[in-house]
Amino acid sequence: MSPTARSPARIAQPTPHGLVLSGHWTAHGVVNVEPQFAALKLAALDSATADGVGVEAMDSAGALTLHRLLLLRGTADAAIA
């Protein structure tokens, strides 16, 4: 039996202060998300909003990765909707 295909974590920026998260934000899914985040055009923000409706799964590794990425960009007060 082959393992179920899982979509990796993805991050997009539809608005200057908004992010859209999708895929599996898990230990195995976040492997390549840092380059995606680095490519975003986020200005230094006091806050940002991340739409998490498309997140299929999130574990503590995914949550920690997201938090760390937001801290690096100065957006630690981001709201996850």
PDB file of N, CA and C in Angstrom:
ATOM      1  N   MET A   1       0.838  -1.179   0.000  1.00  0.00           N
ATOM      2  CA  MET A   1       0.000   0.000   0.000  1.00  0.00           C
ATOM      3  C   MET A   1       0.887   1.247   0.000  1.00  0.00           C
ATOM      4  N   SER A   2       0.637   2.157  -0.929  1.00  0.00           N
ATOM      5  CA  SER A   2       1.457   3.368  -1.017  1.00  0.00           C
ATOM      6  C   SER A   2       0.886   4.457  -0.116  1.00  0.00           C
ATOM      7  N   PRO A   3       1.755   5.317   0.431  1.00  0.00           N
ATOM      8  CA  PRO A   3       1.271   6.395   1.287  1.00  0.00           C
ATOM      9  C   PRO A   3       0.443   7.393   0.479  1.00  0.00           C
ATOM     10  N   THR A   4      -0.498   8.007   1.142  1.00  0.00           N
ATOM     11  CA  THR A   4      -1.348   9.013   0.516  1.00  0.00           C
ATOM     12  C   THR A   4      -0.524  10.247   0.165  1.00  0.00           C
ATOM     13  N   ALA A   5      -0.700  10.754  -1.044  1.00  0.00           N
ATOM     14  CA  ALA A   5       0.004  11.968  -1.458  1.00  0.00           C
ATOM     15  C   ALA A   5      -0.496  13.141  -0.629  1.00  0.00           C
ATOM     16  N   ARG A   6       0.395  13.932  -0.155  1.00  0.00           N
ATOM     17  CA  ARG A   6       0.042  15.097   0.653  1.00  0.00           C
ATOM     18  C   ARG A   6       0.611  16.333   0.000  1.00  0.00           C
ATOM     19  N   SER A   7      -0.197  17.362  -0.072  1.00  0.00           N
ATOM     20  CA  SER A   7       0.292  18.603  -0.655  1.00  0.00           C
ATOM     21  C   SER A   7       1.172  19.318   0.364  1.00  0.00           C
ATOM     22  N   PRO A   8       2.319  19.809  -0.068  1.00  0.00           N
ATOM     23  CA  PRO A   8       3.216  20.503   0.858  1.00  0.00           C
ATOM     24  C   PRO A   8       2.625  21.847   1.288  1.00  0.00           C
ATOM     25  N   ALA A   9       3.169  22.385   2.344  1.00  0.00           N
ATOM     26  CA  ALA A   9       2.748  23.700   2.820  1.00  0.00           C
ATOM     27  C   ALA A   9       3.035  24.736   1.736  1.00  0.00           C
ATOM     28  N   ARG A  10       2.096  25.623   1.551  1.00  0.00           N
ATOM     29  CA  ARG A  10       2.233  26.718   0.586  1.00  0.00           C
ATOM     30  C   ARG A  10       1.809  28.012   1.268  1.00  0.00           C
ATOM     31  N   ILE A  11       2.397  29.097   0.797  1.00  0.00           N
ATOM     32  CA  ILE A  11       2.036  30.409   1.316  1.00  0.00           C
ATOM     33  C   ILE A  11       1.985  31.381   0.139  1.00  0.00           C
ATOM     34  N   ALA A  12       0.910  32.156   0.079  1.00  0.00           N
ATOM     35  CA  ALA A  12       0.722  33.136  -0.995  1.00  0.00           C
ATOM     36  C   ALA A  12       0.369  34.478  -0.357  1.00  0.00           C
ATOM     37  N   GLN A  13       0.492  35.530  -1.142  1.00  0.00           N
ATOM     38  CA  GLN A  13       0.236  36.887  -0.643  1.00  0.00           C
ATOM     39  C   GLN A  13      -0.710  37.619  -1.589  1.00  0.00           C
ATOM     40  N   PRO A  14      -2.033  37.497  -1.375  1.00  0.00           N
ATOM     41  CA  PRO A  14      -2.981  38.165  -2.263  1.00  0.00           C
ATOM     42  C   PRO A  14      -3.090  39.667  -2.026  1.00  0.00           C
ATOM     43  N   THR A  15      -2.735  40.132  -0.837  1.00  0.00           N
ATOM     44  CA  THR A  15      -2.772  41.557  -0.510  1.00  0.00           C
ATOM     45  C   THR A  15      -1.489  41.910   0.242  1.00  0.00           C
ATOM     46  N   PRO A  16      -1.143  43.193   0.316  1.00  0.00           N
ATOM     47  CA  PRO A  16       0.100  43.568   0.993  1.00  0.00           C
ATOM     48  C   PRO A  16       0.181  43.121   2.460  1.00  0.00           C
ATOM     49  N   HIS A  17      -0.961  43.018   3.136  1.00  0.00           N
ATOM     50  CA  HIS A  17      -0.958  42.661   4.560  1.00  0.00           C
ATOM     51  C   HIS A  17      -1.630  41.319   4.815  1.00  0.00           C
ATOM     52  N   GLY A  18      -1.904  40.565   3.761  1.00  0.00           N
ATOM     53  CA  GLY A  18      -2.603  39.295   3.930  1.00  0.00           C
ATOM     54  C   GLY A  18      -1.860  38.129   3.324  1.00  0.00           C
ATOM     55  N   LEU A  19      -1.920  37.011   4.008  1.00  0.00           N
ATOM     56  CA  LEU A  19      -1.298  35.785   3.537  1.00  0.00           C
ATOM     57  C   LEU A  19      -2.365  34.707   3.425  1.00  0.00           C
ATOM     58  N   VAL A  20      -2.173  33.771   2.519  1.00  0.00           N
ATOM     59  CA  VAL A  20      -3.058  32.620   2.384  1.00  0.00           C
ATOM     60  C   VAL A  20      -2.195  31.370   2.536  1.00  0.00           C
ATOM     61  N   LEU A  21      -2.556  30.549   3.500  1.00  0.00           N
ATOM     62  CA  LEU A  21      -1.830  29.317   3.774  1.00  0.00           C
ATOM     63  C   LEU A  21      -2.618  28.140   3.219  1.00  0.00           C
ATOM     64  N   SER A  22      -1.908  27.137   2.704  1.00  0.00           N
ATOM     65  CA  SER A  22      -2.579  25.934   2.218  1.00  0.00           C
ATOM     66  C   SER A  22      -1.653  24.741   2.366  1.00  0.00           C
ATOM     67  N   GLY A  23      -2.214  23.555   2.184  1.00  0.00           N
ATOM     68  CA  GLY A  23      -1.430  22.334   2.237  1.00  0.00           C
ATOM     69  C   GLY A  23      -1.245  21.803   3.638  1.00  0.00           C
ATOM     70  N   HIS A  24      -0.260  20.934   3.776  1.00  0.00           N
ATOM     71  CA  HIS A  24       0.039  20.277   5.052  1.00  0.00           C
ATOM     72  C   HIS A  24       1.162  21.014   5.777  1.00  0.00           C
ATOM     73  N   TRP A  25       0.795  21.738   6.805  1.00  0.00           N
ATOM     74  CA  TRP A  25       1.760  22.436   7.642  1.00  0.00           C
ATOM     75  C   TRP A  25       2.169  21.477   8.758  1.00  0.00           C
ATOM     76  N   THR A  26       2.917  20.468   8.357  1.00  0.00           N
ATOM     77  CA  THR A  26       3.377  19.434   9.273  1.00  0.00           C
ATOM     78  C   THR A  26       4.892  19.311   9.149  1.00  0.00           C
ATOM     79  N   ALA A  27       5.478  18.479   9.981  1.00  0.00           N
ATOM     80  CA  ALA A  27       6.936  18.299   9.944  1.00  0.00           C
ATOM     81  C   ALA A  27       7.422  17.923   8.548  1.00  0.00           C
ATOM     82  N   HIS A  28       6.649  17.126   7.833  1.00  0.00           N
ATOM     83  CA  HIS A  28       7.049  16.720   6.486  1.00  0.00           C
ATOM     84  C   HIS A  28       6.636  17.731   5.424  1.00  0.00           C
ATOM     85  N   GLY A  29       5.616  18.532   5.695  1.00  0.00           N
ATOM     86  CA  GLY A  29       5.093  19.441   4.684  1.00  0.00           C
ATOM     87  C   GLY A  29       5.762  20.802   4.622  1.00  0.00           C
ATOM     88  N   VAL A  30       6.436  21.215   5.695  1.00  0.00           N
ATOM     89  CA  VAL A  30       7.001  22.574   5.745  1.00  0.00           C
ATOM     90  C   VAL A  30       8.445  22.652   5.258  1.00  0.00           C
ATOM     91  N   VAL A  31       8.957  21.553   4.740  1.00  0.00           N
ATOM     92  CA  VAL A  31      10.368  21.488   4.344  1.00  0.00           C
ATOM     93  C   VAL A  31      10.763  22.621   3.396  1.00  0.00           C
ATOM     94  N   ASN A  32       9.920  22.961   2.438  1.00  0.00           N
ATOM     95  CA  ASN A  32      10.283  23.971   1.434  1.00  0.00           C
ATOM     96  C   ASN A  32       9.517  25.277   1.548  1.00  0.00           C
ATOM     97  N   VAL A  33       8.932  25.557   2.688  1.00  0.00           N
ATOM     98  CA  VAL A  33       8.117  26.764   2.803  1.00  0.00           C
ATOM     99  C   VAL A  33       8.961  28.021   3.066  1.00  0.00           C
ATOM    100  N   GLU A  34      10.134  27.884   3.638  1.00  0.00           N
ATOM    101  CA  GLU A  34      10.950  29.068   3.948  1.00  0.00           C
ATOM    102  C   GLU A  34      11.322  29.873   2.712  1.00  0.00           C
ATOM    103  N   PRO A  35      11.738  29.252   1.601  1.00  0.00           N
ATOM    104  CA  PRO A  35      12.013  30.051   0.397  1.00  0.00           C
ATOM    105  C   PRO A  35      10.766  30.774  -0.135  1.00  0.00           C
ATOM    106  N   GLN A  36       9.600  30.138  -0.004  1.00  0.00           N
ATOM    107  CA  GLN A  36       8.352  30.791  -0.425  1.00  0.00           C
ATOM    108  C   GLN A  36       8.119  32.047   0.418  1.00  0.00           C
ATOM    109  N   PHE A  37       8.324  31.919   1.719  1.00  0.00           N
ATOM    110  CA  PHE A  37       8.101  33.046   2.618  1.00  0.00           C
ATOM    111  C   PHE A  37       9.101  34.162   2.338  1.00  0.00           C
ATOM    112  N   ALA A  38      10.339  33.794   2.074  1.00  0.00           N
ATOM    113  CA  ALA A  38      11.374  34.795   1.794  1.00  0.00           C
ATOM    114  C   ALA A  38      11.058  35.592   0.529  1.00  0.00           C
ATOM    115  N   ALA A  39      10.337  34.980  -0.400  1.00  0.00           N
ATOM    116  CA  ALA A  39      10.008  35.648  -1.665  1.00  0.00           C
ATOM    117  C   ALA A  39       8.838  36.622  -1.541  1.00  0.00           C
ATOM    118  N   LEU A  40       8.125  36.606  -0.416  1.00  0.00           N
ATOM    119  CA  LEU A  40       6.986  37.510  -0.247  1.00  0.00           C
ATOM    120  C   LEU A  40       7.456  38.945  -0.124  1.00  0.00           C
ATOM    121  N   LYS A  41       6.598  39.863  -0.498  1.00  0.00           N
ATOM    122  CA  LYS A  41       6.921  41.290  -0.456  1.00  0.00           C
ATOM    123  C   LYS A  41       6.287  41.961   0.754  1.00  0.00           C
ATOM    124  N   LEU A  42       6.489  41.379   1.917  1.00  0.00           N
ATOM    125  CA  LEU A  42       5.937  41.959   3.136  1.00  0.00           C
ATOM    126  C   LEU A  42       6.812  43.109   3.610  1.00  0.00           C
ATOM    127  N   ALA A  43       6.189  44.225   3.852  1.00  0.00           N
ATOM    128  CA  ALA A  43       6.901  45.341   4.470  1.00  0.00           C
ATOM    129  C   ALA A  43       6.970  45.055   5.968  1.00  0.00           C
ATOM    130  N   ALA A  44       7.755  45.819   6.675  1.00  0.00           N
ATOM    131  CA  ALA A  44       7.764  45.679   8.126  1.00  0.00           C
ATOM    132  C   ALA A  44       6.366  46.048   8.623  1.00  0.00           C
ATOM    133  N   LEU A  45       5.699  45.100   9.192  1.00  0.00           N
ATOM    134  CA  LEU A  45       4.313  45.295   9.598  1.00  0.00           C
ATOM    135  C   LEU A  45       4.165  45.150  11.102  1.00  0.00           C
ATOM    136  N   ASP A  46       3.204  45.862  11.640  1.00  0.00           N
ATOM    137  CA  ASP A  46       2.848  45.644  13.027  1.00  0.00           C
ATOM    138  C   ASP A  46       1.950  44.419  13.135  1.00  0.00           C
ATOM    139  N   SER A  47       1.180  44.147  12.087  1.00  0.00           N
ATOM    140  CA  SER A  47       0.294  42.989  12.101  1.00  0.00           C
ATOM    141  C   SER A  47       0.017  42.527  10.683  1.00  0.00           C
ATOM    142  N   ALA A  48      -0.405  41.302  10.564  1.00  0.00           N
ATOM    143  CA  ALA A  48      -0.780  40.717   9.284  1.00  0.00           C
ATOM    144  C   ALA A  48      -1.895  39.725   9.541  1.00  0.00           C
ATOM    145  N   THR A  49      -2.604  39.368   8.493  1.00  0.00           N
ATOM    146  CA  THR A  49      -3.656  38.370   8.606  1.00  0.00           C
ATOM    147  C   THR A  49      -3.314  37.202   7.697  1.00  0.00           C
ATOM    148  N   ALA A  50      -3.408  36.000   8.239  1.00  0.00           N
ATOM    149  CA  ALA A  50      -3.152  34.796   7.456  1.00  0.00           C
ATOM    150  C   ALA A  50      -4.441  33.984   7.381  1.00  0.00           C
ATOM    151  N   ASP A  51      -4.899  33.713   6.167  1.00  0.00           N
ATOM    152  CA  ASP A  51      -6.094  32.904   5.941  1.00  0.00           C
ATOM    153  C   ASP A  51      -5.666  31.439   5.927  1.00  0.00           C
ATOM    154  N   GLY A  52      -6.117  30.688   6.903  1.00  0.00           N
ATOM    155  CA  GLY A  52      -5.722  29.300   7.027  1.00  0.00           C
ATOM    156  C   GLY A  52      -6.773  28.304   6.566  1.00  0.00           C
ATOM    157  N   VAL A  53      -7.795  28.766   5.845  1.00  0.00           N
ATOM    158  CA  VAL A  53      -8.868  27.876   5.405  1.00  0.00           C
ATOM    159  C   VAL A  53      -8.337  26.722   4.566  1.00  0.00           C
ATOM    160  N   GLY A  54      -7.305  26.954   3.773  1.00  0.00           N
ATOM    161  CA  GLY A  54      -6.772  25.922   2.896  1.00  0.00           C
ATOM    162  C   GLY A  54      -5.773  24.983   3.549  1.00  0.00           C
ATOM    163  N   VAL A  55      -5.513  25.166   4.834  1.00  0.00           N
ATOM    164  CA  VAL A  55      -4.582  24.283   5.533  1.00  0.00           C
ATOM    165  C   VAL A  55      -5.266  22.933   5.752  1.00  0.00           C
ATOM    166  N   GLU A  56      -4.668  21.895   5.219  1.00  0.00           N
ATOM    167  CA  GLU A  56      -5.248  20.551   5.323  1.00  0.00           C
ATOM    168  C   GLU A  56      -4.873  19.867   6.627  1.00  0.00           C
ATOM    169  N   ALA A  57      -3.704  20.193   7.166  1.00  0.00           N
ATOM    170  CA  ALA A  57      -3.248  19.628   8.433  1.00  0.00           C
ATOM    171  C   ALA A  57      -2.170  20.544   8.997  1.00  0.00           C
ATOM    172  N   MET A  58      -2.108  20.623  10.328  1.00  0.00           N
ATOM    173  CA  MET A  58      -1.049  21.394  10.981  1.00  0.00           C
ATOM    174  C   MET A  58      -0.693  20.684  12.274  1.00  0.00           C
ATOM    175  N   ASP A  59       0.592  20.478  12.469  1.00  0.00           N
ATOM    176  CA  ASP A  59       1.057  19.932  13.731  1.00  0.00           C
ATOM    177  C   ASP A  59       1.929  20.990  14.408  1.00  0.00           C
ATOM    178  N   SER A  60       2.519  20.619  15.520  1.00  0.00           N
ATOM    179  CA  SER A  60       3.315  21.597  16.261  1.00  0.00           C
ATOM    180  C   SER A  60       4.517  22.083  15.465  1.00  0.00           C
ATOM    181  N   ALA A  61       5.086  21.239  14.618  1.00  0.00           N
ATOM    182  CA  ALA A  61       6.214  21.665  13.781  1.00  0.00           C
ATOM    183  C   ALA A  61       5.768  22.725  12.778  1.00  0.00           C
ATOM    184  N   GLY A  62       4.592  22.561  12.199  1.00  0.00           N
ATOM    185  CA  GLY A  62       4.056  23.545  11.262  1.00  0.00           C
ATOM    186  C   GLY A  62       3.731  24.856  11.946  1.00  0.00           C
ATOM    187  N   ALA A  63       3.123  24.774  13.127  1.00  0.00           N
ATOM    188  CA  ALA A  63       2.794  25.979  13.883  1.00  0.00           C
ATOM    189  C   ALA A  63       4.060  26.728  14.287  1.00  0.00           C
ATOM    190  N   LEU A  64       5.070  26.005  14.722  1.00  0.00           N
ATOM    191  CA  LEU A  64       6.336  26.623  15.113  1.00  0.00           C
ATOM    192  C   LEU A  64       7.020  27.266  13.909  1.00  0.00           C
ATOM    193  N   THR A  65       6.988  26.603  12.770  1.00  0.00           N
ATOM    194  CA  THR A  65       7.581  27.155  11.549  1.00  0.00           C
ATOM    195  C   THR A  65       6.885  28.453  11.167  1.00  0.00           C
ATOM    196  N   LEU A  66       5.557  28.460  11.167  1.00  0.00           N
ATOM    197  CA  LEU A  66       4.803  29.666  10.833  1.00  0.00           C
ATOM    198  C   LEU A  66       5.123  30.789  11.812  1.00  0.00           C
ATOM    199  N   HIS A  67       5.126  30.487  13.084  1.00  0.00           N
ATOM    200  CA  HIS A  67       5.428  31.504  14.100  1.00  0.00           C
ATOM    201  C   HIS A  67       6.838  32.067  13.898  1.00  0.00           C
ATOM    202  N   ARG A  68       7.803  31.189  13.656  1.00  0.00           N
ATOM    203  CA  ARG A  68       9.190  31.632  13.471  1.00  0.00           C
ATOM    204  C   ARG A  68       9.325  32.509  12.225  1.00  0.00           C
ATOM    205  N   LEU A  69       8.664  32.124  11.138  1.00  0.00           N
ATOM    206  CA  LEU A  69       8.715  32.925   9.914  1.00  0.00           C
ATOM    207  C   LEU A  69       8.109  34.305  10.134  1.00  0.00           C
ATOM    208  N   LEU A  70       7.000  34.363  10.860  1.00  0.00           N
ATOM    209  CA  LEU A  70       6.369  35.653  11.132  1.00  0.00           C
ATOM    210  C   LEU A  70       7.236  36.513  12.044  1.00  0.00           C
ATOM    211  N   LEU A  71       7.894  35.896  13.010  1.00  0.00           N
ATOM    212  CA  LEU A  71       8.816  36.645  13.873  1.00  0.00           C
ATOM    213  C   LEU A  71       9.962  37.235  13.068  1.00  0.00           C
ATOM    214  N   LEU A  72      10.498  36.465  12.113  1.00  0.00           N
ATOM    215  CA  LEU A  72      11.610  36.952  11.291  1.00  0.00           C
ATOM    216  C   LEU A  72      11.217  38.168  10.469  1.00  0.00           C
ATOM    217  N   ARG A  73       9.953  38.266  10.104  1.00  0.00           N
ATOM    218  CA  ARG A  73       9.464  39.396   9.314  1.00  0.00           C
ATOM    219  C   ARG A  73       8.872  40.497  10.164  1.00  0.00           C
ATOM    220  N   GLY A  74       8.940  40.362  11.465  1.00  0.00           N
ATOM    221  CA  GLY A  74       8.384  41.394  12.334  1.00  0.00           C
ATOM    222  C   GLY A  74       6.874  41.408  12.342  1.00  0.00           C
ATOM    223  N   THR A  75       6.252  40.258  12.093  1.00  0.00           N
ATOM    224  CA  THR A  75       4.790  40.178  12.050  1.00  0.00           C
ATOM    225  C   THR A  75       4.295  39.159  13.077  1.00  0.00           C
ATOM    226  N   ALA A  76       4.884  39.165  14.251  1.00  0.00           N
ATOM    227  CA  ALA A  76       4.539  38.172  15.262  1.00  0.00           C
ATOM    228  C   ALA A  76       3.106  38.297  15.752  1.00  0.00           C
ATOM    229  N   ASP A  77       2.467  39.437  15.510  1.00  0.00           N
ATOM    230  CA  ASP A  77       1.089  39.635  15.943  1.00  0.00           C
ATOM    231  C   ASP A  77       0.081  39.243  14.861  1.00  0.00           C
ATOM    232  N   ALA A  78       0.487  38.397  13.952  1.00  0.00           N
ATOM    233  CA  ALA A  78      -0.404  37.993  12.861  1.00  0.00           C
ATOM    234  C   ALA A  78      -1.591  37.223  13.405  1.00  0.00           C
ATOM    235  N   ALA A  79      -2.740  37.451  12.800  1.00  0.00           N
ATOM    236  CA  ALA A  79      -3.950  36.714  13.168  1.00  0.00           C
ATOM    237  C   ALA A  79      -4.162  35.619  12.152  1.00  0.00           C
ATOM    238  N   ILE A  80      -4.438  34.418  12.626  1.00  0.00           N
ATOM    239  CA  ILE A  80      -4.722  33.292  11.734  1.00  0.00           C
ATOM    240  C   ILE A  80      -6.223  33.082  11.727  1.00  0.00           C
ATOM    241  N   ALA A  81      -6.827  33.250  10.540  1.00  0.00           N
ATOM    242  CA  ALA A  81      -8.284  33.117  10.427  1.00  0.00           C
ATOM    243  C   ALA A  81      -8.632  31.814   9.759  1.00  0.00           C
TER     244      ALA A  81
END
